Amino acid sequence: MKRVLLSLVLGCVLTSPAWAGKHPTYKFDTDAQGWTTFDGGDLVWVGGDPRRGGYLQITDVTSGDFVMIPPPELLGDWSAYVGGSLSFVARNGNNDSPDWAPFGTLVLGNGVTTLSLDLVPDNAPPADGRWHRYTIPLDTATWGPDLPAVMAALSVLTLKLEFHAGVSEVAHFDNFKVRPPLPTR
């Protein structure tokens, strides 16, 4: 009996997400932390800045719209984040004109329902060489009534970083965070 219980406990510990017990945060200080890109982006980790740590650089290499894909351990039950927010910072890495409006499109899915919204303003990230924070609410007023079911069994999350109509832009991506709703008083 003790052996079965120990196996169950170890199984739960080993299958828990890496961020279990804390809110999902990816700072990319030492590596890409399991993030990848899909549909035309060449991803490299860039480090060496002692003030801000590392970040991910994605260079456009095809006519597809490249998206960021998180590591599988980020996905799962996100029920605690309904009413919260997701944020990230991005920078226009080579000052191409930001003329592709779908930048910042977030796709959330649970295998049955897929939700997709572009809540980032057009012409982002600007060609100013600075980092910009983008925050996306994770509430039913924004996403609709299917959000709680999707968040309870999140199996798909993609974030589009393509910002230029053409194959030339370089996007910088950092500080991906998911936060629960603020406590009510």
N, C-alpha and C. Protein backbone atom coordinates (compact mmCIF):
# COMPACT_ATOMS: atom_id res chain seq x y z
N MET A 1 0.82 -1.20 0.00
CA MET A 1 0.00 0.00 0.00
C MET A 1 0.87 1.26 0.00
N LYS A 2 1.93 1.29 0.83
CA LYS A 2 2.82 2.44 0.87
C LYS A 2 3.47 2.66 -0.50
N ARG A 3 3.84 1.56 -1.16
CA ARG A 3 4.48 1.66 -2.46
C ARG A 3 3.53 2.27 -3.50
N VAL A 4 2.26 1.88 -3.47
CA VAL A 4 1.26 2.41 -4.40
C VAL A 4 1.06 3.90 -4.14
N LEU A 5 0.93 4.29 -2.86
CA LEU A 5 0.75 5.69 -2.51
C LEU A 5 1.96 6.52 -2.95
N LEU A 6 3.17 6.02 -2.71
CA LEU A 6 4.38 6.72 -3.12
C LEU A 6 4.41 6.87 -4.64
N SER A 7 4.02 5.85 -5.37
CA SER A 7 3.98 5.92 -6.83
C SER A 7 3.00 6.99 -7.30
N LEU A 8 1.83 7.05 -6.64
CA LEU A 8 0.84 8.05 -7.01
C LEU A 8 1.37 9.46 -6.75
N VAL A 9 1.99 9.66 -5.60
CA VAL A 9 2.53 10.98 -5.25
C VAL A 9 3.64 11.37 -6.22
N LEU A 10 4.56 10.46 -6.50
CA LEU A 10 5.64 10.75 -7.43
C LEU A 10 5.09 11.02 -8.83
N GLY A 11 4.08 10.28 -9.24
CA GLY A 11 3.47 10.50 -10.54
C GLY A 11 2.87 11.89 -10.64
N CYS A 12 2.21 12.35 -9.59
CA CYS A 12 1.64 13.70 -9.59
C CYS A 12 2.73 14.75 -9.63
N VAL A 13 3.79 14.56 -8.87
CA VAL A 13 4.88 15.52 -8.84
C VAL A 13 5.57 15.57 -10.20
N LEU A 14 5.82 14.42 -10.79
CA LEU A 14 6.54 14.39 -12.05
C LEU A 14 5.72 14.89 -13.22
N THR A 15 4.39 14.86 -13.13
CA THR A 15 3.57 15.32 -14.23
C THR A 15 3.04 16.74 -14.01
N SER A 16 3.33 17.33 -12.88
CA SER A 16 2.90 18.71 -12.64
C SER A 16 3.70 19.66 -13.52
N PRO A 17 3.11 20.76 -13.97
CA PRO A 17 3.85 21.71 -14.77
C PRO A 17 5.03 22.28 -13.99
N ALA A 18 6.05 22.71 -14.72
CA ALA A 18 7.24 23.26 -14.08
C ALA A 18 6.90 24.49 -13.24
N TRP A 19 5.84 25.18 -13.58
CA TRP A 19 5.47 26.40 -12.87
C TRP A 19 4.43 26.14 -11.78
N ALA A 20 4.11 24.86 -11.51
CA ALA A 20 3.09 24.54 -10.50
C ALA A 20 3.43 25.23 -9.18
N GLY A 21 2.42 25.82 -8.58
CA GLY A 21 2.62 26.51 -7.30
C GLY A 21 2.99 27.97 -7.45
N LYS A 22 3.28 28.39 -8.65
CA LYS A 22 3.57 29.80 -8.91
C LYS A 22 2.94 30.13 -10.26
N HIS A 23 2.87 31.39 -10.58
CA HIS A 23 2.23 31.79 -11.83
C HIS A 23 3.20 31.65 -12.99
N PRO A 24 2.72 31.22 -14.16
CA PRO A 24 3.61 31.02 -15.30
C PRO A 24 4.33 32.32 -15.68
N THR A 25 5.65 32.25 -15.66
CA THR A 25 6.50 33.38 -16.03
C THR A 25 7.71 32.85 -16.77
N TYR A 26 7.98 33.43 -17.91
CA TYR A 26 9.15 33.05 -18.70
C TYR A 26 9.97 34.30 -18.97
N LYS A 27 11.18 34.34 -18.39
CA LYS A 27 12.05 35.51 -18.54
C LYS A 27 13.19 35.28 -19.53
N PHE A 28 13.43 34.03 -19.91
CA PHE A 28 14.44 33.67 -20.90
C PHE A 28 15.84 34.16 -20.52
N ASP A 29 16.14 34.17 -19.22
CA ASP A 29 17.44 34.67 -18.78
C ASP A 29 18.61 33.77 -19.19
N THR A 30 18.38 32.45 -19.29
CA THR A 30 19.49 31.54 -19.60
C THR A 30 19.29 30.72 -20.87
N ASP A 31 18.06 30.62 -21.35
CA ASP A 31 17.79 29.87 -22.57
C ASP A 31 16.36 30.11 -23.03
N ALA A 32 15.90 29.38 -24.04
CA ALA A 32 14.56 29.57 -24.61
C ALA A 32 13.47 28.94 -23.76
N GLN A 33 13.82 28.24 -22.70
CA GLN A 33 12.88 27.64 -21.76
C GLN A 33 11.81 26.79 -22.45
N GLY A 34 12.17 26.13 -23.54
CA GLY A 34 11.26 25.20 -24.22
C GLY A 34 10.35 25.84 -25.24
N TRP A 35 10.39 27.15 -25.40
CA TRP A 35 9.57 27.82 -26.40
C TRP A 35 10.12 27.54 -27.79
N THR A 36 9.21 27.44 -28.75
CA THR A 36 9.59 27.24 -30.14
C THR A 36 8.76 28.20 -31.00
N THR A 37 9.02 28.18 -32.29
CA THR A 37 8.25 28.99 -33.22
C THR A 37 7.77 28.10 -34.35
N PHE A 38 6.71 28.53 -35.01
CA PHE A 38 6.11 27.77 -36.09
C PHE A 38 5.76 28.70 -37.24
N ASP A 39 5.86 28.20 -38.45
CA ASP A 39 5.42 28.86 -39.68
C ASP A 39 6.27 30.06 -40.05
N GLY A 40 7.58 29.85 -40.11
CA GLY A 40 8.42 30.86 -40.73
C GLY A 40 9.30 31.70 -39.86
N GLY A 41 9.48 31.34 -38.62
CA GLY A 41 10.35 32.11 -37.75
C GLY A 41 11.56 31.30 -37.33
N ASP A 42 12.73 31.89 -37.43
CA ASP A 42 13.96 31.25 -36.98
C ASP A 42 14.27 31.81 -35.59
N LEU A 43 14.12 30.98 -34.55
CA LEU A 43 14.24 31.42 -33.15
C LEU A 43 15.64 31.14 -32.62
N VAL A 44 16.21 32.15 -31.97
CA VAL A 44 17.46 31.99 -31.23
C VAL A 44 17.34 32.70 -29.89
N TRP A 45 18.02 32.15 -28.89
CA TRP A 45 18.08 32.80 -27.59
C TRP A 45 19.24 33.79 -27.63
N VAL A 46 19.01 34.99 -27.12
CA VAL A 46 20.04 36.03 -27.05
C VAL A 46 20.25 36.37 -25.58
N GLY A 47 21.47 36.29 -25.13
CA GLY A 47 21.78 36.59 -23.73
C GLY A 47 22.89 37.62 -23.65
N GLY A 48 23.35 37.81 -22.44
CA GLY A 48 24.51 38.66 -22.26
C GLY A 48 24.26 40.07 -21.77
N ASP A 49 23.01 40.47 -21.63
CA ASP A 49 22.74 41.81 -21.12
C ASP A 49 22.57 41.71 -19.60
N PRO A 50 23.54 42.16 -18.83
CA PRO A 50 23.46 41.99 -17.37
C PRO A 50 22.29 42.75 -16.72
N ARG A 51 21.77 43.76 -17.39
CA ARG A 51 20.67 44.54 -16.81
C ARG A 51 19.32 43.88 -17.04
N ARG A 52 19.11 43.26 -18.18
CA ARG A 52 17.79 42.71 -18.47
C ARG A 52 17.78 41.20 -18.68
N GLY A 53 18.91 40.55 -18.73
CA GLY A 53 18.93 39.10 -18.96
C GLY A 53 18.79 38.80 -20.44
N GLY A 54 18.31 37.59 -20.73
CA GLY A 54 18.18 37.18 -22.12
C GLY A 54 16.79 37.44 -22.67
N TYR A 55 16.64 37.12 -23.95
CA TYR A 55 15.35 37.23 -24.63
C TYR A 55 15.40 36.33 -25.86
N LEU A 56 14.26 36.17 -26.52
CA LEU A 56 14.20 35.38 -27.73
C LEU A 56 14.15 36.30 -28.94
N GLN A 57 14.91 35.95 -29.95
CA GLN A 57 14.90 36.69 -31.21
C GLN A 57 14.35 35.79 -32.29
N ILE A 58 13.35 36.28 -33.02
CA ILE A 58 12.73 35.51 -34.08
C ILE A 58 12.90 36.29 -35.37
N THR A 59 13.59 35.66 -36.32
CA THR A 59 13.82 36.27 -37.63
C THR A 59 12.86 35.65 -38.63
N ASP A 60 12.15 36.47 -39.37
CA ASP A 60 11.21 36.00 -40.39
C ASP A 60 12.01 35.36 -41.53
N VAL A 61 11.66 34.12 -41.90
CA VAL A 61 12.39 33.44 -42.96
C VAL A 61 11.49 32.89 -44.07
N THR A 62 10.16 33.02 -43.92
CA THR A 62 9.24 32.58 -44.97
C THR A 62 8.07 33.55 -45.06
N SER A 63 7.18 33.29 -46.00
CA SER A 63 6.00 34.15 -46.14
C SER A 63 4.89 33.79 -45.16
N GLY A 64 5.10 32.78 -44.32
CA GLY A 64 4.11 32.44 -43.29
C GLY A 64 4.12 33.47 -42.18
N ASP A 65 3.08 33.42 -41.34
CA ASP A 65 3.00 34.30 -40.17
C ASP A 65 3.52 33.54 -38.95
N PHE A 66 4.74 33.83 -38.53
CA PHE A 66 5.32 33.04 -37.44
C PHE A 66 4.62 33.31 -36.11
N VAL A 67 4.48 32.23 -35.36
CA VAL A 67 3.85 32.28 -34.04
C VAL A 67 4.77 31.63 -33.02
N MET A 68 4.62 32.04 -31.77
CA MET A 68 5.35 31.45 -30.66
C MET A 68 4.53 30.30 -30.10
N ILE A 69 5.22 29.22 -29.75
CA ILE A 69 4.60 28.03 -29.17
C ILE A 69 5.27 27.79 -27.82
N PRO A 70 4.50 27.76 -26.73
CA PRO A 70 5.11 27.53 -25.41
C PRO A 70 5.44 26.05 -25.22
N PRO A 71 6.24 25.75 -24.22
CA PRO A 71 6.50 24.34 -23.92
C PRO A 71 5.22 23.65 -23.43
N PRO A 72 5.08 22.34 -23.66
CA PRO A 72 3.86 21.63 -23.28
C PRO A 72 3.51 21.76 -21.80
N GLU A 73 4.50 21.88 -20.93
CA GLU A 73 4.19 21.97 -19.51
C GLU A 73 3.47 23.25 -19.11
N LEU A 74 3.44 24.24 -19.99
CA LEU A 74 2.69 25.46 -19.70
C LEU A 74 1.19 25.22 -19.78
N LEU A 75 0.79 24.27 -20.59
CA LEU A 75 -0.63 24.03 -20.84
C LEU A 75 -1.25 23.19 -19.73
N GLY A 76 -2.57 23.12 -19.72
CA GLY A 76 -3.28 22.35 -18.69
C GLY A 76 -4.46 23.13 -18.14
N ASP A 77 -4.70 23.00 -16.86
CA ASP A 77 -5.83 23.66 -16.22
C ASP A 77 -5.46 25.10 -15.86
N TRP A 78 -6.02 26.03 -16.59
CA TRP A 78 -5.79 27.46 -16.36
C TRP A 78 -7.01 28.11 -15.73
N SER A 79 -7.88 27.34 -15.11
CA SER A 79 -9.11 27.89 -14.52
C SER A 79 -8.83 29.06 -13.58
N ALA A 80 -7.75 28.99 -12.84
CA ALA A 80 -7.42 30.05 -11.87
C ALA A 80 -7.11 31.38 -12.55
N TYR A 81 -6.89 31.37 -13.87
CA TYR A 81 -6.51 32.60 -14.56
C TYR A 81 -7.67 33.26 -15.30
N VAL A 82 -8.86 32.64 -15.27
CA VAL A 82 -10.03 33.30 -15.86
C VAL A 82 -10.30 34.56 -15.05
N GLY A 83 -10.33 35.69 -15.72
CA GLY A 83 -10.47 36.98 -15.05
C GLY A 83 -9.13 37.67 -14.83
N GLY A 84 -8.05 36.97 -15.13
CA GLY A 84 -6.71 37.52 -14.98
C GLY A 84 -6.20 38.11 -16.28
N SER A 85 -4.90 37.96 -16.52
CA SER A 85 -4.31 38.54 -17.72
C SER A 85 -3.08 37.77 -18.16
N LEU A 86 -2.72 37.96 -19.40
CA LEU A 86 -1.50 37.42 -19.99
C LEU A 86 -0.75 38.62 -20.54
N SER A 87 0.54 38.68 -20.30
CA SER A 87 1.32 39.80 -20.82
C SER A 87 2.65 39.31 -21.36
N PHE A 88 3.23 40.11 -22.21
CA PHE A 88 4.56 39.84 -22.76
C PHE A 88 5.15 41.17 -23.19
N VAL A 89 6.45 41.18 -23.38
CA VAL A 89 7.09 42.36 -23.94
C VAL A 89 7.70 41.97 -25.28
N ALA A 90 7.71 42.93 -26.19
CA ALA A 90 8.26 42.69 -27.52
C ALA A 90 8.95 43.96 -27.99
N ARG A 91 9.86 43.73 -28.92
CA ARG A 91 10.59 44.84 -29.50
C ARG A 91 10.77 44.57 -30.99
N ASN A 92 10.69 45.62 -31.76
CA ASN A 92 10.95 45.57 -33.18
C ASN A 92 12.47 45.51 -33.31
N GLY A 93 13.01 44.36 -33.68
CA GLY A 93 14.45 44.15 -33.62
C GLY A 93 15.26 44.76 -34.74
N ASN A 94 14.62 45.12 -35.86
CA ASN A 94 15.39 45.68 -36.97
C ASN A 94 14.73 46.91 -37.59
N ASN A 95 13.76 47.49 -36.89
CA ASN A 95 13.10 48.72 -37.30
C ASN A 95 12.37 48.64 -38.63
N ASP A 96 11.89 47.44 -39.00
CA ASP A 96 10.99 47.34 -40.15
C ASP A 96 9.68 48.01 -39.78
N SER A 97 8.98 48.50 -40.78
CA SER A 97 7.70 49.14 -40.49
C SER A 97 6.70 48.10 -40.00
N PRO A 98 6.05 48.35 -38.86
CA PRO A 98 5.05 47.41 -38.35
C PRO A 98 3.72 47.61 -39.08
N ASP A 99 3.54 46.86 -40.17
CA ASP A 99 2.37 47.07 -41.01
C ASP A 99 1.53 45.80 -41.18
N TRP A 100 1.69 44.84 -40.30
CA TRP A 100 0.92 43.60 -40.36
C TRP A 100 0.10 43.51 -39.08
N ALA A 101 -1.17 43.85 -39.17
CA ALA A 101 -2.04 44.01 -38.00
C ALA A 101 -2.18 42.78 -37.11
N PRO A 102 -2.04 41.54 -37.60
CA PRO A 102 -2.26 40.40 -36.69
C PRO A 102 -1.21 40.20 -35.59
N PHE A 103 -0.17 41.05 -35.53
CA PHE A 103 0.80 40.93 -34.44
C PHE A 103 0.06 40.90 -33.11
N GLY A 104 0.41 39.95 -32.27
CA GLY A 104 -0.20 39.85 -30.94
C GLY A 104 -1.45 38.98 -30.88
N THR A 105 -1.83 38.36 -32.00
CA THR A 105 -3.00 37.48 -31.98
C THR A 105 -2.73 36.29 -31.07
N LEU A 106 -3.58 36.11 -30.09
CA LEU A 106 -3.47 35.02 -29.14
C LEU A 106 -4.54 33.98 -29.47
N VAL A 107 -4.12 32.73 -29.59
CA VAL A 107 -5.04 31.62 -29.84
C VAL A 107 -5.01 30.71 -28.62
N LEU A 108 -6.19 30.41 -28.09
CA LEU A 108 -6.35 29.50 -26.96
C LEU A 108 -7.31 28.39 -27.39
N GLY A 109 -6.99 27.14 -27.06
CA GLY A 109 -7.88 26.05 -27.44
C GLY A 109 -7.81 24.91 -26.45
N ASN A 110 -8.86 24.07 -26.47
CA ASN A 110 -8.90 22.91 -25.57
C ASN A 110 -9.15 21.61 -26.32
N GLY A 111 -8.95 21.58 -27.63
CA GLY A 111 -9.20 20.38 -28.41
C GLY A 111 -10.61 20.31 -28.97
N VAL A 112 -11.52 21.07 -28.40
CA VAL A 112 -12.91 21.13 -28.86
C VAL A 112 -13.21 22.54 -29.39
N THR A 113 -12.84 23.53 -28.62
CA THR A 113 -13.12 24.92 -28.94
C THR A 113 -11.80 25.68 -29.07
N THR A 114 -11.72 26.53 -30.09
CA THR A 114 -10.55 27.38 -30.28
C THR A 114 -11.02 28.83 -30.30
N LEU A 115 -10.36 29.65 -29.49
CA LEU A 115 -10.66 31.08 -29.42
C LEU A 115 -9.45 31.84 -29.94
N SER A 116 -9.68 32.92 -30.67
CA SER A 116 -8.59 33.71 -31.23
C SER A 116 -8.96 35.18 -31.19
N LEU A 117 -8.06 36.00 -30.65
CA LEU A 117 -8.28 37.45 -30.60
C LEU A 117 -6.97 38.19 -30.84
N ASP A 118 -7.08 39.30 -31.52
CA ASP A 118 -5.96 40.22 -31.68
C ASP A 118 -6.30 41.47 -30.89
N LEU A 119 -5.73 41.58 -29.71
CA LEU A 119 -6.04 42.71 -28.84
C LEU A 119 -4.92 43.73 -28.76
N VAL A 120 -3.86 43.51 -29.53
CA VAL A 120 -2.73 44.44 -29.54
C VAL A 120 -3.01 45.50 -30.61
N PRO A 121 -2.72 46.76 -30.32
CA PRO A 121 -2.98 47.82 -31.31
C PRO A 121 -2.22 47.58 -32.63
N ASP A 122 -2.79 48.06 -33.73
CA ASP A 122 -2.09 48.00 -35.01
C ASP A 122 -0.79 48.79 -34.91
N ASN A 123 0.10 48.53 -35.85
CA ASN A 123 1.42 49.19 -35.92
C ASN A 123 2.28 48.93 -34.69
N ALA A 124 2.19 47.70 -34.20
CA ALA A 124 3.02 47.29 -33.07
C ALA A 124 3.89 46.11 -33.51
N PRO A 125 5.05 45.99 -32.92
CA PRO A 125 5.74 46.95 -32.07
C PRO A 125 6.36 48.06 -32.93
N PRO A 126 6.33 49.29 -32.42
CA PRO A 126 6.83 50.41 -33.22
C PRO A 126 8.33 50.28 -33.51
N ALA A 127 8.75 50.94 -34.55
CA ALA A 127 10.16 50.92 -34.96
C ALA A 127 10.94 51.96 -34.18
N ASP A 128 10.98 51.78 -32.86
CA ASP A 128 11.67 52.76 -32.02
C ASP A 128 12.81 52.17 -31.20
N GLY A 129 13.07 50.86 -31.38
CA GLY A 129 14.18 50.21 -30.66
C GLY A 129 13.91 49.95 -29.19
N ARG A 130 12.69 50.22 -28.71
CA ARG A 130 12.38 50.05 -27.29
C ARG A 130 11.49 48.84 -27.08
N TRP A 131 11.53 48.32 -25.86
CA TRP A 131 10.65 47.22 -25.46
C TRP A 131 9.28 47.79 -25.12
N HIS A 132 8.22 47.05 -25.49
CA HIS A 132 6.85 47.47 -25.20
C HIS A 132 6.09 46.30 -24.57
N ARG A 133 5.34 46.59 -23.51
CA ARG A 133 4.53 45.57 -22.83
C ARG A 133 3.14 45.55 -23.43
N TYR A 134 2.66 44.34 -23.66
CA TYR A 134 1.31 44.13 -24.17
C TYR A 134 0.59 43.23 -23.18
N THR A 135 -0.59 43.63 -22.76
CA THR A 135 -1.37 42.87 -21.78
C THR A 135 -2.72 42.52 -22.39
N ILE A 136 -3.06 41.24 -22.27
CA ILE A 136 -4.31 40.73 -22.85
C ILE A 136 -5.18 40.21 -21.71
N PRO A 137 -6.38 40.76 -21.54
CA PRO A 137 -7.26 40.25 -20.48
C PRO A 137 -7.74 38.84 -20.80
N LEU A 138 -7.88 38.03 -19.77
CA LEU A 138 -8.38 36.66 -19.91
C LEU A 138 -9.73 36.57 -19.21
N ASP A 139 -10.69 37.33 -19.72
CA ASP A 139 -12.01 37.35 -19.09
C ASP A 139 -13.11 37.06 -20.11
N THR A 140 -14.27 36.68 -19.61
CA THR A 140 -15.37 36.33 -20.50
C THR A 140 -15.95 37.56 -21.20
N ALA A 141 -15.81 38.74 -20.63
CA ALA A 141 -16.29 39.95 -21.30
C ALA A 141 -15.52 40.17 -22.60
N THR A 142 -14.27 39.77 -22.63
CA THR A 142 -13.42 39.94 -23.80
C THR A 142 -13.51 38.74 -24.75
N TRP A 143 -13.44 37.53 -24.19
CA TRP A 143 -13.32 36.31 -24.99
C TRP A 143 -14.65 35.60 -25.24
N GLY A 144 -15.65 35.86 -24.43
CA GLY A 144 -16.93 35.19 -24.59
C GLY A 144 -17.13 34.07 -23.59
N PRO A 145 -18.32 33.46 -23.61
CA PRO A 145 -18.70 32.48 -22.58
C PRO A 145 -17.95 31.15 -22.65
N ASP A 146 -17.26 30.87 -23.75
CA ASP A 146 -16.53 29.60 -23.88
C ASP A 146 -15.17 29.64 -23.18
N LEU A 147 -14.72 30.80 -22.75
CA LEU A 147 -13.38 30.92 -22.17
C LEU A 147 -13.17 29.99 -20.97
N PRO A 148 -14.07 29.91 -19.98
CA PRO A 148 -13.80 29.03 -18.83
C PRO A 148 -13.57 27.57 -19.23
N ALA A 149 -14.34 27.05 -20.17
CA ALA A 149 -14.15 25.67 -20.61
C ALA A 149 -12.81 25.49 -21.33
N VAL A 150 -12.43 26.46 -22.13
CA VAL A 150 -11.14 26.39 -22.82
C VAL A 150 -10.00 26.46 -21.81
N MET A 151 -10.10 27.36 -20.87
CA MET A 151 -9.04 27.53 -19.87
C MET A 151 -8.93 26.34 -18.93
N ALA A 152 -10.02 25.62 -18.70
CA ALA A 152 -9.99 24.47 -17.80
C ALA A 152 -9.20 23.30 -18.38
N ALA A 153 -9.03 23.28 -19.69
CA ALA A 153 -8.29 22.18 -20.33
C ALA A 153 -7.47 22.72 -21.49
N LEU A 154 -6.68 23.76 -21.22
CA LEU A 154 -5.93 24.43 -22.27
C LEU A 154 -4.91 23.48 -22.91
N SER A 155 -5.07 23.23 -24.20
CA SER A 155 -4.14 22.35 -24.91
C SER A 155 -3.46 23.05 -26.07
N VAL A 156 -3.91 24.25 -26.40
CA VAL A 156 -3.31 25.03 -27.49
C VAL A 156 -3.15 26.47 -27.03
N LEU A 157 -1.96 27.00 -27.24
CA LEU A 157 -1.70 28.42 -27.03
C LEU A 157 -0.67 28.82 -28.06
N THR A 158 -1.00 29.80 -28.88
CA THR A 158 -0.03 30.37 -29.80
C THR A 158 -0.13 31.89 -29.72
N LEU A 159 0.98 32.54 -29.99
CA LEU A 159 1.04 34.00 -29.97
C LEU A 159 1.76 34.46 -31.23
N LYS A 160 1.04 35.17 -32.08
CA LYS A 160 1.61 35.63 -33.36
C LYS A 160 2.49 36.85 -33.13
N LEU A 161 3.74 36.78 -33.63
CA LEU A 161 4.66 37.91 -33.51
C LEU A 161 5.02 38.52 -34.86
N GLU A 162 4.47 38.00 -35.95
CA GLU A 162 4.69 38.58 -37.28
C GLU A 162 4.14 40.00 -37.27
N PHE A 163 4.96 40.99 -37.65
CA PHE A 163 4.48 42.38 -37.62
C PHE A 163 4.72 43.14 -38.92
N HIS A 164 5.29 42.47 -39.93
CA HIS A 164 5.59 43.17 -41.18
C HIS A 164 5.15 42.32 -42.36
N ALA A 165 4.52 42.95 -43.35
CA ALA A 165 4.09 42.26 -44.57
C ALA A 165 5.30 42.08 -45.48
N GLY A 166 5.95 40.96 -45.34
CA GLY A 166 7.17 40.68 -46.10
C GLY A 166 8.06 39.78 -45.26
N VAL A 167 9.15 39.33 -45.87
CA VAL A 167 10.06 38.41 -45.18
C VAL A 167 11.32 39.18 -44.82
N SER A 168 11.25 39.94 -43.73
CA SER A 168 12.44 40.71 -43.36
C SER A 168 12.51 41.07 -41.89
N GLU A 169 11.37 41.01 -41.16
CA GLU A 169 11.40 41.54 -39.80
C GLU A 169 12.10 40.61 -38.81
N VAL A 170 12.53 41.23 -37.72
CA VAL A 170 13.13 40.53 -36.59
C VAL A 170 12.36 40.98 -35.35
N ALA A 171 11.74 40.01 -34.67
CA ALA A 171 10.98 40.31 -33.45
C ALA A 171 11.77 39.84 -32.24
N HIS A 172 11.73 40.62 -31.19
CA HIS A 172 12.32 40.23 -29.90
C HIS A 172 11.16 40.01 -28.93
N PHE A 173 11.25 38.93 -28.14
CA PHE A 173 10.16 38.48 -27.27
C PHE A 173 10.72 38.19 -25.89
N ASP A 174 10.03 38.65 -24.84
CA ASP A 174 10.54 38.45 -23.48
C ASP A 174 9.40 38.57 -22.47
N ASN A 175 9.68 38.16 -21.25
CA ASN A 175 8.81 38.34 -20.08
C ASN A 175 7.35 37.97 -20.32
N PHE A 176 7.12 36.72 -20.70
CA PHE A 176 5.77 36.20 -20.86
C PHE A 176 5.26 35.85 -19.47
N LYS A 177 4.09 36.41 -19.09
CA LYS A 177 3.53 36.19 -17.75
C LYS A 177 2.03 35.96 -17.82
N VAL A 178 1.55 35.09 -16.96
CA VAL A 178 0.11 34.88 -16.80
C VAL A 178 -0.21 35.15 -15.34
N ARG A 179 -1.25 35.97 -15.12
CA ARG A 179 -1.60 36.37 -13.76
C ARG A 179 -3.06 36.08 -13.49
N PRO A 180 -3.38 35.67 -12.25
CA PRO A 180 -4.78 35.44 -11.88
C PRO A 180 -5.49 36.78 -11.69
N PRO A 181 -6.81 36.74 -11.54
CA PRO A 181 -7.54 37.99 -11.28
C PRO A 181 -7.08 38.61 -9.96
N LEU A 182 -7.15 39.92 -9.91
CA LEU A 182 -6.83 40.61 -8.67
C LEU A 182 -7.88 40.27 -7.62
N PRO A 183 -7.46 40.13 -6.37
CA PRO A 183 -8.45 39.85 -5.30
C PRO A 183 -9.45 40.98 -5.16
N THR A 184 -10.67 40.61 -4.86
CA THR A 184 -11.68 41.64 -4.63
C THR A 184 -11.68 42.02 -3.15
N ARG A 185 -12.06 43.24 -2.88
CA ARG A 185 -12.05 43.72 -1.48
C ARG A 185 -13.39 43.62 -0.87
